[in-house]
Amino acid sequence: MLQSAPQVRRVYDPLLRVLHWSIALGIVVLIATSQLAEAFEDGPWEDAIWNVHILSGYVLSAALAARLLWALVGPANARWRDLWHPRVWKDALLRLRLPHTHRVGHDALASLGYLFAYAVMALMVVTGLALAASEFHTGPLAAWLGNSGWIEDVVEGPHEFGFALLLGFIGLHLAALVFHQLRGERVAQSMVTGKQYLDAESAVQHD
């Protein structure tokens, strides 16, 4: 029996894709500059690298805020309800198995990871702005926290813990993309073209 051609759906709008890649780029630059600043500690480039790190943090803050707002007012597949699938999460936990079908929009099981990543990024933004204010006397919180040396002791630990969690999420996210690609599922390109390729049985909306 001939296999039916996959259905092509335009799912992710242009602004959602721009915000996705802005967040991704901001995180990559933040990771790179944090490691470079440590490598060039007490060197002539340290301050310049930290300045790039802080500016990248502003980019991430703005992109994350826009993404969270777009989840309230954007198209259906950009909204929070497209990421909220507690019945799927409960079933996967109880049965210890992955769902067999895909859906139009964000993957129901992976959405839990995305929500977790947004929460970690929010933690990184808040603690990062506090560190920028207390350690470098810059940013929107500098007027309130610029002379509070104790802030660094409070937020540095959570900031570094969030950094480790974010690295773990990135590793799992990339591994999942490779896994789907090896299975012949065209997932990786969806945030480039906005299109999803689904077979007739999977091209359904479900929770």
N, C-alpha and C. Protein backbone atom coordinates (compact mmCIF):
# COMPACT_ATOMS: atom_id res chain seq x y z
N MET A 1 0.84 -1.18 0.00
CA MET A 1 0.00 0.00 0.00
C MET A 1 0.88 1.24 0.00
N LEU A 2 0.57 2.20 -0.85
CA LEU A 2 1.35 3.41 -0.95
C LEU A 2 1.12 4.28 0.28
N GLN A 3 2.21 4.84 0.78
CA GLN A 3 2.11 5.73 1.93
C GLN A 3 1.71 7.12 1.45
N SER A 4 0.72 7.70 2.10
CA SER A 4 0.26 9.02 1.69
C SER A 4 1.33 10.08 1.95
N ALA A 5 1.35 11.07 1.09
CA ALA A 5 2.32 12.15 1.25
C ALA A 5 2.00 12.95 2.51
N PRO A 6 3.02 13.43 3.20
CA PRO A 6 2.76 14.20 4.42
C PRO A 6 2.02 15.49 4.12
N GLN A 7 1.19 15.89 5.06
CA GLN A 7 0.49 17.16 4.94
C GLN A 7 1.39 18.28 5.43
N VAL A 8 1.40 19.37 4.67
CA VAL A 8 2.21 20.53 5.02
C VAL A 8 1.30 21.57 5.65
N ARG A 9 1.64 21.99 6.86
CA ARG A 9 0.85 22.99 7.56
C ARG A 9 1.73 24.20 7.89
N ARG A 10 1.24 25.40 7.59
CA ARG A 10 1.91 26.61 8.07
C ARG A 10 1.46 26.84 9.51
N VAL A 11 2.39 26.70 10.44
CA VAL A 11 2.04 26.68 11.85
C VAL A 11 2.61 27.87 12.62
N TYR A 12 3.90 28.12 12.48
CA TYR A 12 4.56 29.13 13.29
C TYR A 12 4.69 30.44 12.53
N ASP A 13 4.15 31.52 13.09
CA ASP A 13 4.13 32.81 12.43
C ASP A 13 5.53 33.44 12.41
N PRO A 14 5.77 34.42 11.55
CA PRO A 14 7.10 35.02 11.42
C PRO A 14 7.64 35.63 12.71
N LEU A 15 6.80 36.34 13.46
CA LEU A 15 7.29 36.97 14.70
C LEU A 15 7.72 35.92 15.70
N LEU A 16 6.96 34.84 15.82
CA LEU A 16 7.33 33.76 16.74
C LEU A 16 8.69 33.20 16.37
N ARG A 17 8.95 33.02 15.07
CA ARG A 17 10.23 32.46 14.64
C ARG A 17 11.36 33.44 14.90
N VAL A 18 11.12 34.74 14.67
CA VAL A 18 12.15 35.75 14.94
C VAL A 18 12.49 35.77 16.43
N LEU A 19 11.47 35.71 17.27
CA LEU A 19 11.71 35.72 18.71
C LEU A 19 12.45 34.45 19.15
N HIS A 20 12.09 33.32 18.55
CA HIS A 20 12.77 32.05 18.88
C HIS A 20 14.26 32.17 18.61
N TRP A 21 14.63 32.67 17.44
CA TRP A 21 16.03 32.76 17.08
C TRP A 21 16.74 33.89 17.81
N SER A 22 16.02 34.94 18.17
CA SER A 22 16.63 36.01 18.98
C SER A 22 16.99 35.48 20.36
N ILE A 23 16.08 34.70 20.93
CA ILE A 23 16.36 34.09 22.24
C ILE A 23 17.54 33.12 22.13
N ALA A 24 17.52 32.28 21.09
CA ALA A 24 18.61 31.31 20.90
C ALA A 24 19.95 32.01 20.73
N LEU A 25 19.99 33.06 19.90
CA LEU A 25 21.23 33.78 19.68
C LEU A 25 21.70 34.46 20.96
N GLY A 26 20.76 35.06 21.69
CA GLY A 26 21.13 35.70 22.94
C GLY A 26 21.75 34.72 23.92
N ILE A 27 21.17 33.52 24.01
CA ILE A 27 21.70 32.51 24.93
C ILE A 27 23.09 32.05 24.51
N VAL A 28 23.29 31.83 23.21
CA VAL A 28 24.60 31.39 22.71
C VAL A 28 25.67 32.42 23.02
N VAL A 29 25.36 33.70 22.77
CA VAL A 29 26.34 34.76 23.04
C VAL A 29 26.60 34.88 24.54
N LEU A 30 25.56 34.74 25.35
CA LEU A 30 25.74 34.80 26.80
C LEU A 30 26.64 33.67 27.29
N ILE A 31 26.43 32.47 26.78
CA ILE A 31 27.28 31.34 27.18
C ILE A 31 28.72 31.59 26.76
N ALA A 32 28.91 32.01 25.51
CA ALA A 32 30.26 32.22 24.99
C ALA A 32 30.99 33.32 25.76
N THR A 33 30.31 34.45 26.00
CA THR A 33 30.97 35.56 26.68
C THR A 33 31.26 35.25 28.15
N SER A 34 30.39 34.48 28.79
CA SER A 34 30.66 34.13 30.19
C SER A 34 31.92 33.28 30.30
N GLN A 35 32.09 32.35 29.37
CA GLN A 35 33.27 31.50 29.39
C GLN A 35 34.53 32.26 28.98
N LEU A 36 34.39 33.16 28.00
CA LEU A 36 35.54 33.96 27.58
C LEU A 36 35.98 34.92 28.68
N ALA A 37 35.02 35.50 29.39
CA ALA A 37 35.37 36.41 30.48
C ALA A 37 36.14 35.68 31.57
N GLU A 38 35.75 34.44 31.84
CA GLU A 38 36.49 33.64 32.82
C GLU A 38 37.89 33.32 32.32
N ALA A 39 37.99 33.03 31.02
CA ALA A 39 39.30 32.69 30.45
C ALA A 39 40.24 33.88 30.43
N PHE A 40 39.70 35.09 30.22
CA PHE A 40 40.51 36.31 30.16
C PHE A 40 40.41 37.12 31.45
N GLU A 41 40.14 36.44 32.55
CA GLU A 41 39.99 37.13 33.83
C GLU A 41 41.25 37.94 34.16
N ASP A 42 41.03 39.18 34.59
CA ASP A 42 42.11 40.12 34.94
C ASP A 42 42.96 40.53 33.74
N GLY A 43 42.50 40.19 32.54
CA GLY A 43 43.20 40.60 31.32
C GLY A 43 42.61 41.87 30.74
N PRO A 44 43.23 42.41 29.68
CA PRO A 44 42.76 43.67 29.09
C PRO A 44 41.40 43.57 28.42
N TRP A 45 40.97 42.32 28.08
CA TRP A 45 39.69 42.15 27.38
C TRP A 45 38.52 41.82 28.30
N GLU A 46 38.80 41.64 29.58
CA GLU A 46 37.75 41.16 30.48
C GLU A 46 36.55 42.11 30.53
N ASP A 47 36.80 43.40 30.73
CA ASP A 47 35.69 44.35 30.83
C ASP A 47 34.88 44.42 29.54
N ALA A 48 35.57 44.39 28.40
CA ALA A 48 34.86 44.45 27.11
C ALA A 48 33.97 43.23 26.92
N ILE A 49 34.49 42.07 27.32
CA ILE A 49 33.70 40.84 27.17
C ILE A 49 32.49 40.87 28.08
N TRP A 50 32.66 41.35 29.32
CA TRP A 50 31.52 41.43 30.23
C TRP A 50 30.48 42.43 29.71
N ASN A 51 30.95 43.51 29.06
CA ASN A 51 30.00 44.46 28.48
C ASN A 51 29.15 43.80 27.39
N VAL A 52 29.79 42.97 26.54
CA VAL A 52 29.04 42.24 25.51
C VAL A 52 28.07 41.27 26.17
N HIS A 53 28.51 40.65 27.25
CA HIS A 53 27.66 39.71 27.99
C HIS A 53 26.41 40.43 28.51
N ILE A 54 26.61 41.61 29.09
CA ILE A 54 25.48 42.36 29.64
C ILE A 54 24.54 42.81 28.53
N LEU A 55 25.09 43.29 27.42
CA LEU A 55 24.25 43.71 26.29
C LEU A 55 23.45 42.53 25.74
N SER A 56 24.07 41.36 25.69
CA SER A 56 23.37 40.16 25.24
C SER A 56 22.25 39.80 26.21
N GLY A 57 22.48 40.06 27.49
CA GLY A 57 21.44 39.83 28.48
C GLY A 57 20.24 40.74 28.25
N TYR A 58 20.50 41.98 27.82
CA TYR A 58 19.39 42.88 27.49
C TYR A 58 18.60 42.36 26.29
N VAL A 59 19.32 41.84 25.30
CA VAL A 59 18.65 41.27 24.12
C VAL A 59 17.76 40.10 24.53
N LEU A 60 18.31 39.21 25.37
CA LEU A 60 17.53 38.07 25.84
C LEU A 60 16.32 38.54 26.64
N SER A 61 16.51 39.55 27.49
CA SER A 61 15.40 40.06 28.31
C SER A 61 14.28 40.58 27.43
N ALA A 62 14.64 41.38 26.42
CA ALA A 62 13.63 41.97 25.54
C ALA A 62 12.93 40.89 24.72
N ALA A 63 13.70 39.94 24.17
CA ALA A 63 13.12 38.88 23.35
C ALA A 63 12.22 37.97 24.18
N LEU A 64 12.65 37.66 25.40
CA LEU A 64 11.84 36.79 26.27
C LEU A 64 10.55 37.50 26.67
N ALA A 65 10.63 38.79 27.00
CA ALA A 65 9.43 39.53 27.36
C ALA A 65 8.45 39.59 26.19
N ALA A 66 8.99 39.81 24.97
CA ALA A 66 8.13 39.85 23.79
C ALA A 66 7.49 38.49 23.54
N ARG A 67 8.26 37.41 23.76
CA ARG A 67 7.72 36.06 23.55
C ARG A 67 6.62 35.76 24.54
N LEU A 68 6.81 36.14 25.79
CA LEU A 68 5.78 35.90 26.79
C LEU A 68 4.52 36.70 26.49
N LEU A 69 4.69 37.93 26.00
CA LEU A 69 3.54 38.74 25.62
C LEU A 69 2.84 38.16 24.40
N TRP A 70 3.64 37.67 23.42
CA TRP A 70 3.06 37.08 22.21
C TRP A 70 2.27 35.82 22.55
N ALA A 71 2.65 35.16 23.64
CA ALA A 71 1.90 33.98 24.08
C ALA A 71 0.53 34.34 24.62
N LEU A 72 0.29 35.62 24.86
CA LEU A 72 -1.01 36.08 25.33
C LEU A 72 -1.88 36.61 24.20
N VAL A 73 -1.25 37.23 23.19
CA VAL A 73 -2.04 37.93 22.16
C VAL A 73 -1.78 37.42 20.74
N GLY A 74 -0.82 36.51 20.58
CA GLY A 74 -0.45 36.05 19.25
C GLY A 74 -1.40 35.01 18.68
N PRO A 75 -1.05 34.45 17.51
CA PRO A 75 -1.86 33.40 16.89
C PRO A 75 -1.96 32.16 17.79
N ALA A 76 -2.86 31.26 17.42
CA ALA A 76 -3.16 30.10 18.28
C ALA A 76 -1.92 29.29 18.62
N ASN A 77 -1.05 29.03 17.64
CA ASN A 77 0.10 28.17 17.90
C ASN A 77 1.25 28.90 18.59
N ALA A 78 1.06 30.18 18.91
CA ALA A 78 2.05 30.92 19.69
C ALA A 78 1.61 31.08 21.13
N ARG A 79 0.37 30.74 21.43
CA ARG A 79 -0.20 31.04 22.74
C ARG A 79 0.14 29.98 23.79
N TRP A 80 -0.09 30.36 25.06
CA TRP A 80 0.22 29.47 26.17
C TRP A 80 -0.54 28.15 26.07
N ARG A 81 -1.79 28.20 25.61
CA ARG A 81 -2.58 26.97 25.57
C ARG A 81 -1.99 25.94 24.61
N ASP A 82 -1.18 26.38 23.64
CA ASP A 82 -0.52 25.44 22.74
C ASP A 82 0.63 24.72 23.42
N LEU A 83 1.03 25.21 24.61
CA LEU A 83 2.12 24.61 25.37
C LEU A 83 1.61 23.87 26.61
N TRP A 84 0.29 23.88 26.82
CA TRP A 84 -0.25 23.34 28.07
C TRP A 84 -1.01 22.05 27.81
N HIS A 85 -0.40 20.91 28.18
CA HIS A 85 -0.99 19.60 27.90
C HIS A 85 -0.83 18.68 29.10
N PRO A 86 -1.43 19.00 30.23
CA PRO A 86 -1.23 18.20 31.45
C PRO A 86 -1.67 16.75 31.31
N ARG A 87 -2.71 16.47 30.50
CA ARG A 87 -3.17 15.08 30.35
C ARG A 87 -2.11 14.23 29.66
N VAL A 88 -1.44 14.80 28.67
CA VAL A 88 -0.36 14.08 27.98
C VAL A 88 0.80 13.84 28.94
N TRP A 89 1.16 14.86 29.71
CA TRP A 89 2.27 14.72 30.66
C TRP A 89 1.95 13.65 31.71
N LYS A 90 0.72 13.66 32.22
CA LYS A 90 0.33 12.67 33.22
C LYS A 90 0.35 11.27 32.64
N ASP A 91 -0.17 11.13 31.42
CA ASP A 91 -0.21 9.81 30.78
C ASP A 91 1.20 9.28 30.52
N ALA A 92 2.09 10.16 30.06
CA ALA A 92 3.47 9.74 29.80
C ALA A 92 4.16 9.32 31.09
N LEU A 93 3.86 10.02 32.20
CA LEU A 93 4.47 9.68 33.48
C LEU A 93 3.94 8.36 34.02
N LEU A 94 2.63 8.16 33.92
CA LEU A 94 2.03 6.95 34.46
C LEU A 94 2.38 5.71 33.63
N ARG A 95 2.40 5.88 32.31
CA ARG A 95 2.65 4.74 31.42
C ARG A 95 4.14 4.57 31.08
N LEU A 96 4.94 5.61 31.41
CA LEU A 96 6.38 5.59 31.11
C LEU A 96 6.64 5.30 29.64
N ARG A 97 5.90 6.01 28.78
CA ARG A 97 6.12 5.86 27.35
C ARG A 97 5.76 7.16 26.64
N LEU A 98 6.37 7.36 25.49
CA LEU A 98 6.14 8.57 24.72
C LEU A 98 4.83 8.46 23.94
N PRO A 99 4.16 9.59 23.69
CA PRO A 99 2.95 9.56 22.85
C PRO A 99 3.29 9.06 21.45
N HIS A 100 2.35 8.37 20.81
CA HIS A 100 2.60 7.79 19.49
C HIS A 100 2.25 8.75 18.36
N THR A 101 1.52 9.80 18.66
CA THR A 101 1.09 10.71 17.61
C THR A 101 1.66 12.09 17.82
N HIS A 102 1.75 12.83 16.72
CA HIS A 102 2.18 14.21 16.76
C HIS A 102 0.96 15.10 16.58
N ARG A 103 1.14 16.37 16.79
CA ARG A 103 0.04 17.30 16.68
C ARG A 103 0.50 18.53 15.89
N VAL A 104 -0.49 19.26 15.41
CA VAL A 104 -0.20 20.53 14.78
C VAL A 104 0.17 21.51 15.88
N GLY A 105 1.32 22.13 15.77
CA GLY A 105 1.79 23.03 16.81
C GLY A 105 2.89 22.41 17.63
N HIS A 106 3.14 22.97 18.81
CA HIS A 106 4.21 22.47 19.66
C HIS A 106 3.92 21.04 20.11
N ASP A 107 4.96 20.24 20.13
CA ASP A 107 4.84 18.87 20.60
C ASP A 107 4.32 18.87 22.04
N ALA A 108 3.31 18.03 22.29
CA ALA A 108 2.63 18.06 23.59
C ALA A 108 3.56 17.71 24.74
N LEU A 109 4.41 16.72 24.57
CA LEU A 109 5.31 16.31 25.65
C LEU A 109 6.48 17.28 25.79
N ALA A 110 7.04 17.70 24.65
CA ALA A 110 8.17 18.63 24.69
C ALA A 110 7.78 19.99 25.26
N SER A 111 6.49 20.32 25.20
CA SER A 111 6.04 21.61 25.71
C SER A 111 6.37 21.78 27.19
N LEU A 112 6.37 20.69 27.93
CA LEU A 112 6.73 20.78 29.34
C LEU A 112 8.17 21.27 29.49
N GLY A 113 9.05 20.78 28.61
CA GLY A 113 10.44 21.25 28.62
C GLY A 113 10.55 22.71 28.23
N TYR A 114 9.72 23.14 27.27
CA TYR A 114 9.76 24.54 26.85
C TYR A 114 9.33 25.46 27.99
N LEU A 115 8.27 25.07 28.70
CA LEU A 115 7.81 25.88 29.83
C LEU A 115 8.89 25.96 30.91
N PHE A 116 9.55 24.84 31.14
CA PHE A 116 10.66 24.81 32.10
C PHE A 116 11.77 25.74 31.65
N ALA A 117 12.09 25.73 30.35
CA ALA A 117 13.16 26.58 29.83
C ALA A 117 12.81 28.06 29.99
N TYR A 118 11.55 28.42 29.73
CA TYR A 118 11.13 29.81 29.90
C TYR A 118 11.29 30.25 31.36
N ALA A 119 10.94 29.35 32.29
CA ALA A 119 11.07 29.68 33.71
C ALA A 119 12.54 29.88 34.09
N VAL A 120 13.42 29.02 33.56
CA VAL A 120 14.85 29.16 33.84
C VAL A 120 15.40 30.44 33.23
N MET A 121 14.96 30.76 32.00
CA MET A 121 15.42 32.00 31.37
C MET A 121 14.96 33.22 32.15
N ALA A 122 13.74 33.18 32.69
CA ALA A 122 13.26 34.29 33.51
C ALA A 122 14.13 34.44 34.76
N LEU A 123 14.51 33.31 35.37
CA LEU A 123 15.41 33.35 36.52
C LEU A 123 16.75 33.96 36.13
N MET A 124 17.27 33.57 34.97
CA MET A 124 18.56 34.10 34.50
C MET A 124 18.49 35.60 34.24
N VAL A 125 17.38 36.06 33.69
CA VAL A 125 17.22 37.48 33.40
C VAL A 125 17.20 38.29 34.70
N VAL A 126 16.38 37.86 35.66
CA VAL A 126 16.26 38.60 36.92
C VAL A 126 17.58 38.62 37.68
N THR A 127 18.20 37.48 37.82
CA THR A 127 19.48 37.43 38.55
C THR A 127 20.59 38.12 37.78
N GLY A 128 20.54 38.03 36.44
CA GLY A 128 21.55 38.70 35.63
C GLY A 128 21.45 40.21 35.73
N LEU A 129 20.24 40.76 35.71
CA LEU A 129 20.07 42.21 35.86
C LEU A 129 20.53 42.66 37.25
N ALA A 130 20.26 41.82 38.27
CA ALA A 130 20.70 42.16 39.62
C ALA A 130 22.23 42.16 39.70
N LEU A 131 22.88 41.19 39.06
CA LEU A 131 24.34 41.14 39.06
C LEU A 131 24.94 42.31 38.29
N ALA A 132 24.32 42.67 37.16
CA ALA A 132 24.80 43.81 36.39
C ALA A 132 24.74 45.09 37.21
N ALA A 133 23.69 45.23 38.01
CA ALA A 133 23.52 46.42 38.84
C ALA A 133 24.51 46.46 39.99
N SER A 134 24.65 45.33 40.70
CA SER A 134 25.49 45.32 41.90
C SER A 134 26.97 45.25 41.60
N GLU A 135 27.34 44.52 40.53
CA GLU A 135 28.76 44.32 40.24
C GLU A 135 29.31 45.34 39.25
N PHE A 136 28.48 45.74 38.26
CA PHE A 136 28.95 46.65 37.22
C PHE A 136 28.26 48.01 37.25
N HIS A 137 27.31 48.18 38.17
CA HIS A 137 26.59 49.46 38.34
C HIS A 137 25.95 49.93 37.03
N THR A 138 25.32 49.00 36.34
CA THR A 138 24.66 49.34 35.08
C THR A 138 23.34 48.58 34.98
N GLY A 139 22.52 49.02 34.05
CA GLY A 139 21.24 48.35 33.83
C GLY A 139 20.09 49.02 34.55
N PRO A 140 18.87 48.55 34.29
CA PRO A 140 17.67 49.20 34.85
C PRO A 140 17.55 49.10 36.36
N LEU A 141 18.29 48.18 37.00
CA LEU A 141 18.21 48.04 38.45
C LEU A 141 19.35 48.73 39.18
N ALA A 142 20.22 49.42 38.43
CA ALA A 142 21.41 50.03 39.04
C ALA A 142 21.05 51.09 40.06
N ALA A 143 19.99 51.84 39.80
CA ALA A 143 19.60 52.91 40.73
C ALA A 143 19.19 52.35 42.09
N TRP A 144 18.66 51.14 42.12
CA TRP A 144 18.20 50.53 43.36
C TRP A 144 19.24 49.61 43.99
N LEU A 145 20.00 48.91 43.16
CA LEU A 145 20.90 47.87 43.67
C LEU A 145 22.37 48.17 43.45
N GLY A 146 22.66 49.32 42.86
CA GLY A 146 24.05 49.63 42.50
C GLY A 146 25.01 49.66 43.67
N ASN A 147 24.53 50.01 44.85
CA ASN A 147 25.40 50.09 46.03
C ASN A 147 25.13 48.96 47.02
N SER A 148 24.48 47.92 46.55
CA SER A 148 24.14 46.79 47.44
C SER A 148 25.06 45.61 47.12
N GLY A 149 26.21 45.59 47.77
CA GLY A 149 27.18 44.53 47.50
C GLY A 149 26.67 43.16 47.89
N TRP A 150 25.75 43.08 48.84
CA TRP A 150 25.24 41.79 49.30
C TRP A 150 24.39 41.08 48.25
N ILE A 151 23.85 41.86 47.28
CA ILE A 151 23.01 41.27 46.24
C ILE A 151 23.77 40.20 45.47
N GLU A 152 25.04 40.48 45.19
CA GLU A 152 25.84 39.51 44.42
C GLU A 152 25.90 38.16 45.14
N ASP A 153 26.06 38.19 46.45
CA ASP A 153 26.13 36.94 47.21
C ASP A 153 24.81 36.17 47.16
N VAL A 154 23.69 36.91 47.06
CA VAL A 154 22.38 36.28 47.07
C VAL A 154 22.03 35.65 45.72
N VAL A 155 22.33 36.37 44.62
CA VAL A 155 21.83 35.94 43.30
C VAL A 155 22.86 35.19 42.47
N GLU A 156 24.13 35.24 42.85
CA GLU A 156 25.14 34.57 42.02
C GLU A 156 24.93 33.07 41.96
N GLY A 157 24.60 32.46 43.10
CA GLY A 157 24.36 31.02 43.12
C GLY A 157 23.20 30.60 42.23
N PRO A 158 22.01 31.21 42.39
CA PRO A 158 20.89 30.89 41.48
C PRO A 158 21.21 31.15 40.02
N HIS A 159 21.99 32.20 39.74
CA HIS A 159 22.34 32.51 38.35
C HIS A 159 23.19 31.39 37.76
N GLU A 160 24.15 30.90 38.52
CA GLU A 160 25.01 29.82 38.03
C GLU A 160 24.23 28.51 37.94
N PHE A 161 23.31 28.28 38.88
CA PHE A 161 22.48 27.07 38.82
C PHE A 161 21.58 27.12 37.59
N GLY A 162 20.99 28.28 37.31
CA GLY A 162 20.18 28.43 36.11
C GLY A 162 20.98 28.22 34.85
N PHE A 163 22.23 28.67 34.87
CA PHE A 163 23.12 28.46 33.72
C PHE A 163 23.31 26.97 33.46
N ALA A 164 23.51 26.19 34.51
CA ALA A 164 23.69 24.73 34.36
C ALA A 164 22.41 24.08 33.84
N LEU A 165 21.26 24.51 34.37
CA LEU A 165 19.99 23.96 33.90
C LEU A 165 19.75 24.28 32.43
N LEU A 166 20.10 25.50 32.04
CA LEU A 166 19.90 25.91 30.65
C LEU A 166 20.80 25.12 29.71
N LEU A 167 22.03 24.85 30.12
CA LEU A 167 22.91 24.00 29.32
C LEU A 167 22.33 22.61 29.15
N GLY A 168 21.75 22.07 30.23
CA GLY A 168 21.12 20.75 30.14
C GLY A 168 19.95 20.75 29.19
N PHE A 169 19.12 21.79 29.24
CA PHE A 169 17.99 21.88 28.33
C PHE A 169 18.46 21.96 26.88
N ILE A 170 19.47 22.76 26.62
CA ILE A 170 19.99 22.90 25.25
C ILE A 170 20.48 21.55 24.73
N GLY A 171 21.21 20.82 25.59
CA GLY A 171 21.69 19.50 25.18
C GLY A 171 20.55 18.55 24.84
N LEU A 172 19.52 18.53 25.69
CA LEU A 172 18.36 17.66 25.43
C LEU A 172 17.60 18.10 24.19
N HIS A 173 17.47 19.40 24.01
CA HIS A 173 16.75 19.93 22.85
C HIS A 173 17.45 19.53 21.55
N LEU A 174 18.75 19.69 21.51
CA LEU A 174 19.50 19.32 20.31
C LEU A 174 19.46 17.81 20.08
N ALA A 175 19.55 17.04 21.17
CA ALA A 175 19.48 15.58 21.03
C ALA A 175 18.12 15.15 20.49
N ALA A 176 17.05 15.80 20.93
CA ALA A 176 15.72 15.48 20.44
C ALA A 176 15.58 15.80 18.96
N LEU A 177 16.16 16.92 18.53
CA LEU A 177 16.10 17.28 17.11
C LEU A 177 16.83 16.24 16.25
N VAL A 178 17.99 15.79 16.74
CA VAL A 178 18.75 14.75 16.02
C VAL A 178 17.95 13.45 15.98
N PHE A 179 17.32 13.10 17.11
CA PHE A 179 16.51 11.89 17.19
C PHE A 179 15.39 11.91 16.15
N HIS A 180 14.66 13.01 16.07
CA HIS A 180 13.57 13.11 15.11
C HIS A 180 14.09 13.09 13.67
N GLN A 181 15.24 13.73 13.45
CA GLN A 181 15.81 13.75 12.11
C GLN A 181 16.20 12.34 11.67
N LEU A 182 16.77 11.55 12.58
CA LEU A 182 17.16 10.18 12.25
C LEU A 182 15.94 9.31 11.98
N ARG A 183 14.80 9.67 12.54
CA ARG A 183 13.56 8.93 12.28
C ARG A 183 12.86 9.40 11.01
N GLY A 184 13.47 10.35 10.33
CA GLY A 184 12.89 10.85 9.10
C GLY A 184 11.81 11.89 9.30
N GLU A 185 11.72 12.45 10.50
CA GLU A 185 10.70 13.46 10.80
C GLU A 185 11.30 14.85 10.63
N ARG A 186 10.68 15.65 9.81
CA ARG A 186 11.21 16.97 9.47
C ARG A 186 10.76 17.99 10.52
N VAL A 187 11.47 17.96 11.64
CA VAL A 187 11.12 18.81 12.77
C VAL A 187 12.01 20.04 12.84
N ALA A 188 13.30 19.85 12.58
CA ALA A 188 14.28 20.91 12.80
C ALA A 188 14.01 22.16 11.99
N GLN A 189 13.41 22.00 10.81
CA GLN A 189 13.20 23.15 9.93
C GLN A 189 11.95 23.96 10.27
N SER A 190 11.13 23.50 11.20
CA SER A 190 9.85 24.16 11.43
C SER A 190 9.99 25.59 11.96
N MET A 191 11.07 25.86 12.71
CA MET A 191 11.28 27.21 13.20
C MET A 191 12.05 28.07 12.21
N VAL A 192 12.33 27.52 11.03
CA VAL A 192 12.94 28.30 9.95
C VAL A 192 11.86 28.68 8.94
N THR A 193 11.10 27.70 8.49
CA THR A 193 10.08 27.94 7.47
C THR A 193 8.70 28.20 8.06
N GLY A 194 8.48 27.78 9.31
CA GLY A 194 7.16 27.89 9.92
C GLY A 194 6.24 26.75 9.57
N LYS A 195 6.74 25.77 8.77
CA LYS A 195 5.90 24.68 8.29
C LYS A 195 6.15 23.40 9.09
N GLN A 196 5.09 22.62 9.24
CA GLN A 196 5.20 21.29 9.81
C GLN A 196 4.76 20.27 8.77
N TYR A 197 5.41 19.11 8.78
CA TYR A 197 5.09 18.02 7.87
C TYR A 197 4.55 16.87 8.70
N LEU A 198 3.26 16.58 8.53
CA LEU A 198 2.59 15.55 9.32
C LEU A 198 1.83 14.61 8.42
N ASP A 199 1.78 13.32 8.81
CA ASP A 199 0.95 12.40 8.05
C ASP A 199 -0.51 12.65 8.37
N ALA A 200 -1.39 12.08 7.58
CA ALA A 200 -2.82 12.37 7.70
C ALA A 200 -3.37 12.01 9.07
N GLU A 201 -2.85 10.94 9.69
CA GLU A 201 -3.36 10.52 10.99
C GLU A 201 -2.86 11.39 12.12
N SER A 202 -1.68 11.99 11.93
CA SER A 202 -1.09 12.78 13.01
C SER A 202 -1.44 14.24 12.94
N ALA A 203 -1.93 14.69 11.79
CA ALA A 203 -2.20 16.10 11.59
C ALA A 203 -3.50 16.50 12.26
N VAL A 204 -3.53 16.37 13.58
CA VAL A 204 -4.73 16.69 14.35
C VAL A 204 -4.32 17.53 15.54
N GLN A 205 -5.27 18.26 16.04
CA GLN A 205 -5.07 18.99 17.29
C GLN A 205 -5.59 18.13 18.43
N HIS A 206 -4.77 17.93 19.42
CA HIS A 206 -5.24 17.19 20.61
C HIS A 206 -4.46 17.65 21.81
N ASP A 207 -4.99 17.32 22.99
CA ASP A 207 -4.32 17.70 24.24
C ASP A 207 -3.67 16.46 24.84
